[in-house]
Amino acid sequence: YQLLMEQLPEPVIVHDAQHILYANPAAAAFVGVQTPEQLIGQSLYRFL
């Protein structure tokens, strides 16, 4: 699953209805940041 999420071309994130808990590299590239770690802890509603 971890390998699939890392290689999946579609953006995948995990959130708790408030903050982003996980993001794959495709999600980071989709929102325009360099690494998935930059999305961890960010507010989900910042991108809406």
ModelCIF file with pLDDT and N, C-alpha, C, O atoms, coordinates in Angstrom:
data_MODEL
#
_entry.id   MODEL 
#
_entity.id                         1 
_entity.type                       polymer 
_entity.pdbx_number_of_molecules   1 
#
_entity_poly.entity_id                      1 
_entity_poly.type                           'polypeptide(L)' 
_entity_poly.nstd_linkage                   no 
_entity_poly.nstd_monomer                   no 
_entity_poly.pdbx_seq_one_letter_code       YQLLMEQLPEPVIVHDAQHILYANPAAAAFVGVQTPEQLIGQSLYRFL 
_entity_poly.pdbx_seq_one_letter_code_can   YQLLMEQLPEPVIVHDAQHILYANPAAAAFVGVQTPEQLIGQSLYRFL 
_entity_poly.pdbx_strand_id                 A 
#
loop_
_entity_poly_seq.entity_id 
_entity_poly_seq.num 
_entity_poly_seq.mon_id 
_entity_poly_seq.hetero 
1 1  TYR n 
1 2  GLN n 
1 3  LEU n 
1 4  LEU n 
1 5  MET n 
1 6  GLU n 
1 7  GLN n 
1 8  LEU n 
1 9  PRO n 
1 10 GLU n 
1 11 PRO n 
1 12 VAL n 
1 13 ILE n 
1 14 VAL n 
1 15 HIS n 
1 16 ASP n 
1 17 ALA n 
1 18 GLN n 
1 19 HIS n 
1 20 ILE n 
1 21 LEU n 
1 22 TYR n 
1 23 ALA n 
1 24 ASN n 
1 25 PRO n 
1 26 ALA n 
1 27 ALA n 
1 28 ALA n 
1 29 ALA n 
1 30 PHE n 
1 31 VAL n 
1 32 GLY n 
1 33 VAL n 
1 34 GLN n 
1 35 THR n 
1 36 PRO n 
1 37 GLU n 
1 38 GLN n 
1 39 LEU n 
1 40 ILE n 
1 41 GLY n 
1 42 GLN n 
1 43 SER n 
1 44 LEU n 
1 45 TYR n 
1 46 ARG n 
1 47 PHE n 
1 48 LEU n 
#
_struct_asym.id          A 
_struct_asym.entity_id   1 
#
loop_
_ma_qa_metric.id 
_ma_qa_metric.mode 
_ma_qa_metric.name 
_ma_qa_metric.software_group_id 
_ma_qa_metric.type 
1 global pLDDT . pLDDT 
2 local  pLDDT . pLDDT 
#
_ma_qa_metric_global.metric_id      1 
_ma_qa_metric_global.metric_value   81.29 
_ma_qa_metric_global.model_id       1 
_ma_qa_metric_global.ordinal_id     1 
#
loop_
_ma_qa_metric_local.label_asym_id 
_ma_qa_metric_local.label_comp_id 
_ma_qa_metric_local.label_seq_id 
_ma_qa_metric_local.metric_id 
_ma_qa_metric_local.metric_value 
_ma_qa_metric_local.model_id 
_ma_qa_metric_local.ordinal_id 
A TYR 1  2 72.00 1 1  
A GLN 2  2 74.00 1 2  
A LEU 3  2 76.00 1 3  
A LEU 4  2 75.00 1 4  
A MET 5  2 75.00 1 5  
A GLU 6  2 78.00 1 6  
A GLN 7  2 76.00 1 7  
A LEU 8  2 77.00 1 8  
A PRO 9  2 80.00 1 9  
A GLU 10 2 82.00 1 10 
A PRO 11 2 86.00 1 11 
A VAL 12 2 85.00 1 12 
A ILE 13 2 82.00 1 13 
A VAL 14 2 84.00 1 14 
A HIS 15 2 82.00 1 15 
A ASP 16 2 80.00 1 16 
A ALA 17 2 75.00 1 17 
A GLN 18 2 79.00 1 18 
A HIS 19 2 84.00 1 19 
A ILE 20 2 87.00 1 20 
A LEU 21 2 86.00 1 21 
A TYR 22 2 86.00 1 22 
A ALA 23 2 86.00 1 23 
A ASN 24 2 85.00 1 24 
A PRO 25 2 88.00 1 25 
A ALA 26 2 86.00 1 26 
A ALA 27 2 83.00 1 27 
A ALA 28 2 84.00 1 28 
A ALA 29 2 85.00 1 29 
A PHE 30 2 82.00 1 30 
A VAL 31 2 82.00 1 31 
A GLY 32 2 84.00 1 32 
A VAL 33 2 85.00 1 33 
A GLN 34 2 84.00 1 34 
A THR 35 2 86.00 1 35 
A PRO 36 2 84.00 1 36 
A GLU 37 2 86.00 1 37 
A GLN 38 2 85.00 1 38 
A LEU 39 2 85.00 1 39 
A ILE 40 2 86.00 1 40 
A GLY 41 2 85.00 1 41 
A GLN 42 2 83.00 1 42 
A SER 43 2 79.00 1 43 
A LEU 44 2 73.00 1 44 
A TYR 45 2 74.00 1 45 
A ARG 46 2 75.00 1 46 
A PHE 47 2 76.00 1 47 
A LEU 48 2 70.00 1 48 
#
loop_
_atom_site.group_PDB 
_atom_site.id 
_atom_site.type_symbol 
_atom_site.label_atom_id 
_atom_site.label_alt_id 
_atom_site.label_comp_id 
_atom_site.label_asym_id 
_atom_site.label_entity_id 
_atom_site.label_seq_id 
_atom_site.pdbx_PDB_ins_code 
_atom_site.Cartn_x 
_atom_site.Cartn_y 
_atom_site.Cartn_z 
_atom_site.occupancy 
_atom_site.B_iso_or_equiv 
_atom_site.pdbx_formal_charge 
_atom_site.auth_seq_id 
_atom_site.auth_comp_id 
_atom_site.auth_asym_id 
_atom_site.auth_atom_id 
_atom_site.pdbx_PDB_model_num 
ATOM 1   N N  . TYR A 1 1  ? 0.837   -1.200 0.000   1.00 72.00 ? 1  TYR A N  1 
ATOM 2   C CA . TYR A 1 1  ? 0.000   0.000  0.000   1.00 72.00 ? 1  TYR A CA 1 
ATOM 3   C C  . TYR A 1 1  ? 0.874   1.254  0.000   1.00 72.00 ? 1  TYR A C  1 
ATOM 4   O O  . TYR A 1 1  ? 0.604   2.214  -0.722  1.00 72.00 ? 1  TYR A O  1 
ATOM 5   N N  . GLN A 1 2  ? 1.932   1.228  0.827   1.00 74.00 ? 2  GLN A N  1 
ATOM 6   C CA . GLN A 1 2  ? 2.811   2.395  0.901   1.00 74.00 ? 2  GLN A CA 1 
ATOM 7   C C  . GLN A 1 2  ? 3.482   2.623  -0.441  1.00 74.00 ? 2  GLN A C  1 
ATOM 8   O O  . GLN A 1 2  ? 3.570   3.755  -0.917  1.00 74.00 ? 2  GLN A O  1 
ATOM 9   N N  . LEU A 1 3  ? 3.962   1.524  -1.058  1.00 76.00 ? 3  LEU A N  1 
ATOM 10  C CA . LEU A 1 3  ? 4.606   1.652  -2.360  1.00 76.00 ? 3  LEU A CA 1 
ATOM 11  C C  . LEU A 1 3  ? 3.617   2.129  -3.412  1.00 76.00 ? 3  LEU A C  1 
ATOM 12  O O  . LEU A 1 3  ? 3.959   2.956  -4.257  1.00 76.00 ? 3  LEU A O  1 
ATOM 13  N N  . LEU A 1 4  ? 2.384   1.610  -3.367  1.00 75.00 ? 4  LEU A N  1 
ATOM 14  C CA . LEU A 1 4  ? 1.368   2.022  -4.325  1.00 75.00 ? 4  LEU A CA 1 
ATOM 15  C C  . LEU A 1 4  ? 1.050   3.503  -4.185  1.00 75.00 ? 4  LEU A C  1 
ATOM 16  O O  . LEU A 1 4  ? 0.961   4.225  -5.178  1.00 75.00 ? 4  LEU A O  1 
ATOM 17  N N  . MET A 1 5  ? 0.879   3.951  -2.943  1.00 75.00 ? 5  MET A N  1 
ATOM 18  C CA . MET A 1 5  ? 0.569   5.361  -2.735  1.00 75.00 ? 5  MET A CA 1 
ATOM 19  C C  . MET A 1 5  ? 1.692   6.268  -3.232  1.00 75.00 ? 5  MET A C  1 
ATOM 20  O O  . MET A 1 5  ? 1.450   7.350  -3.767  1.00 75.00 ? 5  MET A O  1 
ATOM 21  N N  . GLU A 1 6  ? 2.936   5.796  -3.040  1.00 78.00 ? 6  GLU A N  1 
ATOM 22  C CA . GLU A 1 6  ? 4.064   6.618  -3.471  1.00 78.00 ? 6  GLU A CA 1 
ATOM 23  C C  . GLU A 1 6  ? 4.153   6.683  -4.993  1.00 78.00 ? 6  GLU A C  1 
ATOM 24  O O  . GLU A 1 6  ? 4.563   7.701  -5.551  1.00 78.00 ? 6  GLU A O  1 
ATOM 25  N N  . GLN A 1 7  ? 3.762   5.578  -5.674  1.00 76.00 ? 7  GLN A N  1 
ATOM 26  C CA . GLN A 1 7  ? 3.894   5.526  -7.124  1.00 76.00 ? 7  GLN A CA 1 
ATOM 27  C C  . GLN A 1 7  ? 2.625   5.931  -7.864  1.00 76.00 ? 7  GLN A C  1 
ATOM 28  O O  . GLN A 1 7  ? 2.652   6.105  -9.082  1.00 76.00 ? 7  GLN A O  1 
ATOM 29  N N  . LEU A 1 8  ? 1.507   6.085  -7.140  1.00 77.00 ? 8  LEU A N  1 
ATOM 30  C CA . LEU A 1 8  ? 0.241   6.397  -7.790  1.00 77.00 ? 8  LEU A CA 1 
ATOM 31  C C  . LEU A 1 8  ? 0.301   7.766  -8.446  1.00 77.00 ? 8  LEU A C  1 
ATOM 32  O O  . LEU A 1 8  ? 0.710   8.735  -7.806  1.00 77.00 ? 8  LEU A O  1 
ATOM 33  N N  . PRO A 1 9  ? -0.098  7.868  -9.713  1.00 80.00 ? 9  PRO A N  1 
ATOM 34  C CA . PRO A 1 9  ? -0.034  9.178  -10.378 1.00 80.00 ? 9  PRO A CA 1 
ATOM 35  C C  . PRO A 1 9  ? -1.131  10.137 -9.928  1.00 80.00 ? 9  PRO A C  1 
ATOM 36  O O  . PRO A 1 9  ? -1.023  11.343 -10.150 1.00 80.00 ? 9  PRO A O  1 
ATOM 37  N N  . GLU A 1 10 ? -2.199  9.611  -9.291  1.00 82.00 ? 10 GLU A N  1 
ATOM 38  C CA . GLU A 1 10 ? -3.277  10.487 -8.843  1.00 82.00 ? 10 GLU A CA 1 
ATOM 39  C C  . GLU A 1 10 ? -2.992  10.978 -7.423  1.00 82.00 ? 10 GLU A C  1 
ATOM 40  O O  . GLU A 1 10 ? -2.460  10.221 -6.611  1.00 82.00 ? 10 GLU A O  1 
ATOM 41  N N  . PRO A 1 11 ? -3.332  12.215 -7.111  1.00 86.00 ? 11 PRO A N  1 
ATOM 42  C CA . PRO A 1 11 ? -3.100  12.758 -5.770  1.00 86.00 ? 11 PRO A CA 1 
ATOM 43  C C  . PRO A 1 11 ? -3.940  12.016 -4.725  1.00 86.00 ? 11 PRO A C  1 
ATOM 44  O O  . PRO A 1 11 ? -5.131  11.783 -4.931  1.00 86.00 ? 11 PRO A O  1 
ATOM 45  N N  . VAL A 1 12 ? -3.318  11.650 -3.616  1.00 85.00 ? 12 VAL A N  1 
ATOM 46  C CA . VAL A 1 12 ? -3.991  10.986 -2.504  1.00 85.00 ? 12 VAL A CA 1 
ATOM 47  C C  . VAL A 1 12 ? -3.588  11.687 -1.220  1.00 85.00 ? 12 VAL A C  1 
ATOM 48  O O  . VAL A 1 12 ? -2.403  11.907 -0.971  1.00 85.00 ? 12 VAL A O  1 
ATOM 49  N N  . ILE A 1 13 ? -4.580  12.040 -0.403  1.00 82.00 ? 13 ILE A N  1 
ATOM 50  C CA . ILE A 1 13 ? -4.306  12.646 0.902   1.00 82.00 ? 13 ILE A CA 1 
ATOM 51  C C  . ILE A 1 13 ? -5.173  11.949 1.943   1.00 82.00 ? 13 ILE A C  1 
ATOM 52  O O  . ILE A 1 13 ? -6.203  11.361 1.614   1.00 82.00 ? 13 ILE A O  1 
ATOM 53  N N  . VAL A 1 14 ? -4.748  12.020 3.193   1.00 84.00 ? 14 VAL A N  1 
ATOM 54  C CA . VAL A 1 14 ? -5.509  11.536 4.331   1.00 84.00 ? 14 VAL A CA 1 
ATOM 55  C C  . VAL A 1 14 ? -5.691  12.710 5.277   1.00 84.00 ? 14 VAL A C  1 
ATOM 56  O O  . VAL A 1 14 ? -4.725  13.380 5.642   1.00 84.00 ? 14 VAL A O  1 
ATOM 57  N N  . HIS A 1 15 ? -6.942  12.956 5.673   1.00 82.00 ? 15 HIS A N  1 
ATOM 58  C CA . HIS A 1 15 ? -7.206  14.084 6.561   1.00 82.00 ? 15 HIS A CA 1 
ATOM 59  C C  . HIS A 1 15 ? -8.219  13.669 7.618   1.00 82.00 ? 15 HIS A C  1 
ATOM 60  O O  . HIS A 1 15 ? -8.948  12.690 7.454   1.00 82.00 ? 15 HIS A O  1 
ATOM 61  N N  . ASP A 1 16 ? -8.250  14.426 8.693   1.00 80.00 ? 16 ASP A N  1 
ATOM 62  C CA . ASP A 1 16 ? -9.177  14.154 9.805   1.00 80.00 ? 16 ASP A CA 1 
ATOM 63  C C  . ASP A 1 16 ? -10.298 15.171 9.861   1.00 80.00 ? 16 ASP A C  1 
ATOM 64  O O  . ASP A 1 16 ? -10.828 15.467 10.931  1.00 80.00 ? 16 ASP A O  1 
ATOM 65  N N  . ALA A 1 17 ? -10.659 15.709 8.694   1.00 75.00 ? 17 ALA A N  1 
ATOM 66  C CA . ALA A 1 17 ? -11.693 16.742 8.545   1.00 75.00 ? 17 ALA A CA 1 
ATOM 67  C C  . ALA A 1 17 ? -11.183 18.123 8.944   1.00 75.00 ? 17 ALA A C  1 
ATOM 68  O O  . ALA A 1 17 ? -11.922 19.103 8.845   1.00 75.00 ? 17 ALA A O  1 
ATOM 69  N N  . GLN A 1 18 ? -9.935  18.216 9.391   1.00 79.00 ? 18 GLN A N  1 
ATOM 70  C CA . GLN A 1 18 ? -9.361  19.521 9.741   1.00 79.00 ? 18 GLN A CA 1 
ATOM 71  C C  . GLN A 1 18 ? -7.990  19.707 9.098   1.00 79.00 ? 18 GLN A C  1 
ATOM 72  O O  . GLN A 1 18 ? -7.734  20.703 8.421   1.00 79.00 ? 18 GLN A O  1 
ATOM 73  N N  . HIS A 1 19 ? -7.105  18.716 9.325   1.00 84.00 ? 19 HIS A N  1 
ATOM 74  C CA . HIS A 1 19 ? -5.723  18.840 8.880   1.00 84.00 ? 19 HIS A CA 1 
ATOM 75  C C  . HIS A 1 19 ? -5.340  17.647 8.013   1.00 84.00 ? 19 HIS A C  1 
ATOM 76  O O  . HIS A 1 19 ? -5.931  16.571 8.100   1.00 84.00 ? 19 HIS A O  1 
ATOM 77  N N  . ILE A 1 20 ? -4.338  17.872 7.182   1.00 87.00 ? 20 ILE A N  1 
ATOM 78  C CA . ILE A 1 20 ? -3.811  16.821 6.314   1.00 87.00 ? 20 ILE A CA 1 
ATOM 79  C C  . ILE A 1 20 ? -2.836  15.975 7.126   1.00 87.00 ? 20 ILE A C  1 
ATOM 80  O O  . ILE A 1 20 ? -1.887  16.495 7.712   1.00 87.00 ? 20 ILE A O  1 
ATOM 81  N N  . LEU A 1 21 ? -3.080  14.656 7.156   1.00 86.00 ? 21 LEU A N  1 
ATOM 82  C CA . LEU A 1 21 ? -2.245  13.736 7.928   1.00 86.00 ? 21 LEU A CA 1 
ATOM 83  C C  . LEU A 1 21 ? -1.236  13.012 7.046   1.00 86.00 ? 21 LEU A C  1 
ATOM 84  O O  . LEU A 1 21 ? -0.171  12.619 7.522   1.00 86.00 ? 21 LEU A O  1 
ATOM 85  N N  . TYR A 1 22 ? -1.558  12.832 5.766   1.00 86.00 ? 22 TYR A N  1 
ATOM 86  C CA . TYR A 1 22 ? -0.661  12.143 4.843   1.00 86.00 ? 22 TYR A CA 1 
ATOM 87  C C  . TYR A 1 22 ? -0.933  12.663 3.446   1.00 86.00 ? 22 TYR A C  1 
ATOM 88  O O  . TYR A 1 22 ? -2.060  13.029 3.113   1.00 86.00 ? 22 TYR A O  1 
ATOM 89  N N  . ALA A 1 23 ? 0.123   12.692 2.625   1.00 86.00 ? 23 ALA A N  1 
ATOM 90  C CA . ALA A 1 23 ? -0.018  13.068 1.221   1.00 86.00 ? 23 ALA A CA 1 
ATOM 91  C C  . ALA A 1 23 ? 1.052   12.342 0.430   1.00 86.00 ? 23 ALA A C  1 
ATOM 92  O O  . ALA A 1 23 ? 2.182   12.198 0.896   1.00 86.00 ? 23 ALA A O  1 
ATOM 93  N N  . ASN A 1 24 ? 0.702   11.883 -0.764  1.00 85.00 ? 24 ASN A N  1 
ATOM 94  C CA . ASN A 1 24 ? 1.697   11.228 -1.614  1.00 85.00 ? 24 ASN A CA 1 
ATOM 95  C C  . ASN A 1 24 ? 2.366   12.265 -2.505  1.00 85.00 ? 24 ASN A C  1 
ATOM 96  O O  . ASN A 1 24 ? 1.902   13.403 -2.585  1.00 85.00 ? 24 ASN A O  1 
ATOM 97  N N  . PRO A 1 25 ? 3.455   11.886 -3.178  1.00 88.00 ? 25 PRO A N  1 
ATOM 98  C CA . PRO A 1 25 ? 4.156   12.872 -4.025  1.00 88.00 ? 25 PRO A CA 1 
ATOM 99  C C  . PRO A 1 25 ? 3.270   13.476 -5.110  1.00 88.00 ? 25 PRO A C  1 
ATOM 100 O O  . PRO A 1 25 ? 3.436   14.643 -5.464  1.00 88.00 ? 25 PRO A O  1 
ATOM 101 N N  . ALA A 1 26 ? 2.332   12.695 -5.641  1.00 86.00 ? 26 ALA A N  1 
ATOM 102 C CA . ALA A 1 26 ? 1.451   13.254 -6.669  1.00 86.00 ? 26 ALA A CA 1 
ATOM 103 C C  . ALA A 1 26 ? 0.590   14.376 -6.111  1.00 86.00 ? 26 ALA A C  1 
ATOM 104 O O  . ALA A 1 26 ? 0.310   15.346 -6.816  1.00 86.00 ? 26 ALA A O  1 
ATOM 105 N N  . ALA A 1 27 ? 0.162   14.260 -4.851  1.00 83.00 ? 27 ALA A N  1 
ATOM 106 C CA . ALA A 1 27 ? -0.631  15.333 -4.237  1.00 83.00 ? 27 ALA A CA 1 
ATOM 107 C C  . ALA A 1 27 ? 0.202   16.590 -4.067  1.00 83.00 ? 27 ALA A C  1 
ATOM 108 O O  . ALA A 1 27 ? -0.283  17.699 -4.290  1.00 83.00 ? 27 ALA A O  1 
ATOM 109 N N  . ALA A 1 28 ? 1.471   16.416 -3.669  1.00 84.00 ? 28 ALA A N  1 
ATOM 110 C CA . ALA A 1 28 ? 2.346   17.587 -3.516  1.00 84.00 ? 28 ALA A CA 1 
ATOM 111 C C  . ALA A 1 28 ? 2.541   18.284 -4.852  1.00 84.00 ? 28 ALA A C  1 
ATOM 112 O O  . ALA A 1 28 ? 2.485   19.512 -4.926  1.00 84.00 ? 28 ALA A O  1 
ATOM 113 N N  . ALA A 1 29 ? 2.770   17.507 -5.914  1.00 85.00 ? 29 ALA A N  1 
ATOM 114 C CA . ALA A 1 29 ? 2.962   18.121 -7.227  1.00 85.00 ? 29 ALA A CA 1 
ATOM 115 C C  . ALA A 1 29 ? 1.683   18.783 -7.716  1.00 85.00 ? 29 ALA A C  1 
ATOM 116 O O  . ALA A 1 29 ? 1.742   19.806 -8.398  1.00 85.00 ? 29 ALA A O  1 
ATOM 117 N N  . PHE A 1 30 ? 0.525   18.215 -7.377  1.00 82.00 ? 30 PHE A N  1 
ATOM 118 C CA . PHE A 1 30 ? -0.739  18.760 -7.865  1.00 82.00 ? 30 PHE A CA 1 
ATOM 119 C C  . PHE A 1 30 ? -1.030  20.132 -7.263  1.00 82.00 ? 30 PHE A C  1 
ATOM 120 O O  . PHE A 1 30 ? -1.512  21.025 -7.959  1.00 82.00 ? 30 PHE A O  1 
ATOM 121 N N  . VAL A 1 31 ? -0.740  20.305 -5.976  1.00 82.00 ? 31 VAL A N  1 
ATOM 122 C CA . VAL A 1 31 ? -1.043  21.599 -5.338  1.00 82.00 ? 31 VAL A CA 1 
ATOM 123 C C  . VAL A 1 31 ? 0.112   22.572 -5.473  1.00 82.00 ? 31 VAL A C  1 
ATOM 124 O O  . VAL A 1 31 ? 0.003   23.728 -5.063  1.00 82.00 ? 31 VAL A O  1 
ATOM 125 N N  . GLY A 1 32 ? 1.239   22.108 -6.054  1.00 84.00 ? 32 GLY A N  1 
ATOM 126 C CA . GLY A 1 32 ? 2.308   23.043 -6.354  1.00 84.00 ? 32 GLY A CA 1 
ATOM 127 C C  . GLY A 1 32 ? 3.352   23.208 -5.271  1.00 84.00 ? 32 GLY A C  1 
ATOM 128 O O  . GLY A 1 32 ? 3.957   24.275 -5.169  1.00 84.00 ? 32 GLY A O  1 
ATOM 129 N N  . VAL A 1 33 ? 3.590   22.162 -4.438  1.00 85.00 ? 33 VAL A N  1 
ATOM 130 C CA . VAL A 1 33 ? 4.674   22.217 -3.450  1.00 85.00 ? 33 VAL A CA 1 
ATOM 131 C C  . VAL A 1 33 ? 5.688   21.147 -3.811  1.00 85.00 ? 33 VAL A C  1 
ATOM 132 O O  . VAL A 1 33 ? 5.402   20.252 -4.606  1.00 85.00 ? 33 VAL A O  1 
ATOM 133 N N  . GLN A 1 34 ? 6.893   21.242 -3.214  1.00 84.00 ? 34 GLN A N  1 
ATOM 134 C CA . GLN A 1 34 ? 7.982   20.367 -3.620  1.00 84.00 ? 34 GLN A CA 1 
ATOM 135 C C  . GLN A 1 34 ? 7.894   18.976 -3.002  1.00 84.00 ? 34 GLN A C  1 
ATOM 136 O O  . GLN A 1 34 ? 8.121   17.990 -3.704  1.00 84.00 ? 34 GLN A O  1 
ATOM 137 N N  . THR A 1 35 ? 7.574   18.859 -1.718  1.00 86.00 ? 35 THR A N  1 
ATOM 138 C CA . THR A 1 35 ? 7.566   17.564 -1.034  1.00 86.00 ? 35 THR A CA 1 
ATOM 139 C C  . THR A 1 35 ? 6.240   17.361 -0.302  1.00 86.00 ? 35 THR A C  1 
ATOM 140 O O  . THR A 1 35 ? 5.591   18.331 0.088   1.00 86.00 ? 35 THR A O  1 
ATOM 141 N N  . PRO A 1 36 ? 5.831   16.079 -0.112  1.00 84.00 ? 36 PRO A N  1 
ATOM 142 C CA . PRO A 1 36 ? 4.597   15.819 0.640   1.00 84.00 ? 36 PRO A CA 1 
ATOM 143 C C  . PRO A 1 36 ? 4.656   16.308 2.082   1.00 84.00 ? 36 PRO A C  1 
ATOM 144 O O  . PRO A 1 36 ? 3.624   16.644 2.663   1.00 84.00 ? 36 PRO A O  1 
ATOM 145 N N  . GLU A 1 37 ? 5.854   16.352 2.666   1.00 86.00 ? 37 GLU A N  1 
ATOM 146 C CA . GLU A 1 37 ? 5.967   16.788 4.060   1.00 86.00 ? 37 GLU A CA 1 
ATOM 147 C C  . GLU A 1 37 ? 5.487   18.218 4.252   1.00 86.00 ? 37 GLU A C  1 
ATOM 148 O O  . GLU A 1 37 ? 5.055   18.587 5.344   1.00 86.00 ? 37 GLU A O  1 
ATOM 149 N N  . GLN A 1 38 ? 5.559   19.032 3.191   1.00 85.00 ? 38 GLN A N  1 
ATOM 150 C CA . GLN A 1 38 ? 5.104   20.408 3.291   1.00 85.00 ? 38 GLN A CA 1 
ATOM 151 C C  . GLN A 1 38 ? 3.586   20.501 3.468   1.00 85.00 ? 38 GLN A C  1 
ATOM 152 O O  . GLN A 1 38 ? 3.069   21.526 3.912   1.00 85.00 ? 38 GLN A O  1 
ATOM 153 N N  . LEU A 1 39 ? 2.871   19.415 3.114   1.00 85.00 ? 39 LEU A N  1 
ATOM 154 C CA . LEU A 1 39 ? 1.413   19.430 3.270   1.00 85.00 ? 39 LEU A CA 1 
ATOM 155 C C  . LEU A 1 39 ? 0.967   18.892 4.624   1.00 85.00 ? 39 LEU A C  1 
ATOM 156 O O  . LEU A 1 39 ? -0.134  19.212 5.070   1.00 85.00 ? 39 LEU A O  1 
ATOM 157 N N  . ILE A 1 40 ? 1.802   18.072 5.302   1.00 86.00 ? 40 ILE A N  1 
ATOM 158 C CA . ILE A 1 40 ? 1.416   17.462 6.565   1.00 86.00 ? 40 ILE A CA 1 
ATOM 159 C C  . ILE A 1 40 ? 1.176   18.551 7.600   1.00 86.00 ? 40 ILE A C  1 
ATOM 160 O O  . ILE A 1 40 ? 2.015   19.424 7.818   1.00 86.00 ? 40 ILE A O  1 
ATOM 161 N N  . GLY A 1 41 ? 0.001   18.474 8.235   1.00 85.00 ? 41 GLY A N  1 
ATOM 162 C CA . GLY A 1 41 ? -0.351  19.449 9.260   1.00 85.00 ? 41 GLY A CA 1 
ATOM 163 C C  . GLY A 1 41 ? -1.024  20.695 8.732   1.00 85.00 ? 41 GLY A C  1 
ATOM 164 O O  . GLY A 1 41 ? -1.537  21.496 9.513   1.00 85.00 ? 41 GLY A O  1 
ATOM 165 N N  . GLN A 1 42 ? -1.035  20.879 7.406   1.00 83.00 ? 42 GLN A N  1 
ATOM 166 C CA . GLN A 1 42 ? -1.690  22.054 6.832   1.00 83.00 ? 42 GLN A CA 1 
ATOM 167 C C  . GLN A 1 42 ? -3.210  21.914 6.947   1.00 83.00 ? 42 GLN A C  1 
ATOM 168 O O  . GLN A 1 42 ? -3.739  20.803 6.971   1.00 83.00 ? 42 GLN A O  1 
ATOM 169 N N  . SER A 1 43 ? -3.904  23.054 7.019   1.00 79.00 ? 43 SER A N  1 
ATOM 170 C CA . SER A 1 43 ? -5.358  23.044 7.055   1.00 79.00 ? 43 SER A CA 1 
ATOM 171 C C  . SER A 1 43 ? -5.902  22.625 5.702   1.00 79.00 ? 43 SER A C  1 
ATOM 172 O O  . SER A 1 43 ? -5.461  23.111 4.662   1.00 79.00 ? 43 SER A O  1 
ATOM 173 N N  . LEU A 1 44 ? -6.857  21.725 5.730   1.00 73.00 ? 44 LEU A N  1 
ATOM 174 C CA . LEU A 1 44 ? -7.449  21.228 4.495   1.00 73.00 ? 44 LEU A CA 1 
ATOM 175 C C  . LEU A 1 44 ? -8.135  22.343 3.725   1.00 73.00 ? 44 LEU A C  1 
ATOM 176 O O  . LEU A 1 44 ? -8.158  22.314 2.494   1.00 73.00 ? 44 LEU A O  1 
ATOM 177 N N  . TYR A 1 45 ? -8.689  23.316 4.414   1.00 74.00 ? 45 TYR A N  1 
ATOM 178 C CA . TYR A 1 45 ? -9.520  24.346 3.792   1.00 74.00 ? 45 TYR A CA 1 
ATOM 179 C C  . TYR A 1 45 ? -8.691  25.469 3.178   1.00 74.00 ? 45 TYR A C  1 
ATOM 180 O O  . TYR A 1 45 ? -9.225  26.376 2.541   1.00 74.00 ? 45 TYR A O  1 
ATOM 181 N N  . ARG A 1 46 ? -7.391  25.393 3.378   1.00 75.00 ? 46 ARG A N  1 
ATOM 182 C CA . ARG A 1 46 ? -6.517  26.388 2.750   1.00 75.00 ? 46 ARG A CA 1 
ATOM 183 C C  . ARG A 1 46 ? -6.547  26.257 1.240   1.00 75.00 ? 46 ARG A C  1 
ATOM 184 O O  . ARG A 1 46 ? -6.323  27.235 0.527   1.00 75.00 ? 46 ARG A O  1 
ATOM 185 N N  . PHE A 1 47 ? -6.823  25.047 0.739   1.00 76.00 ? 47 PHE A N  1 
ATOM 186 C CA . PHE A 1 47 ? -6.756  24.785 -0.685  1.00 76.00 ? 47 PHE A CA 1 
ATOM 187 C C  . PHE A 1 47 ? -8.132  24.799 -1.346  1.00 76.00 ? 47 PHE A C  1 
ATOM 188 O O  . PHE A 1 47 ? -8.260  24.382 -2.497  1.00 76.00 ? 47 PHE A O  1 
ATOM 189 N N  . LEU A 1 48 ? -9.159  25.266 -0.648  1.00 70.00 ? 48 LEU A N  1 
ATOM 190 C CA . LEU A 1 48 ? -10.501 25.340 -1.209  1.00 70.00 ? 48 LEU A CA 1 
ATOM 191 C C  . LEU A 1 48 ? -10.921 26.784 -1.359  1.00 70.00 ? 48 LEU A C  1 
ATOM 192 O O  . LEU A 1 48 ? -12.029 27.060 -1.818  1.00 70.00 ? 48 LEU A O  1 
#
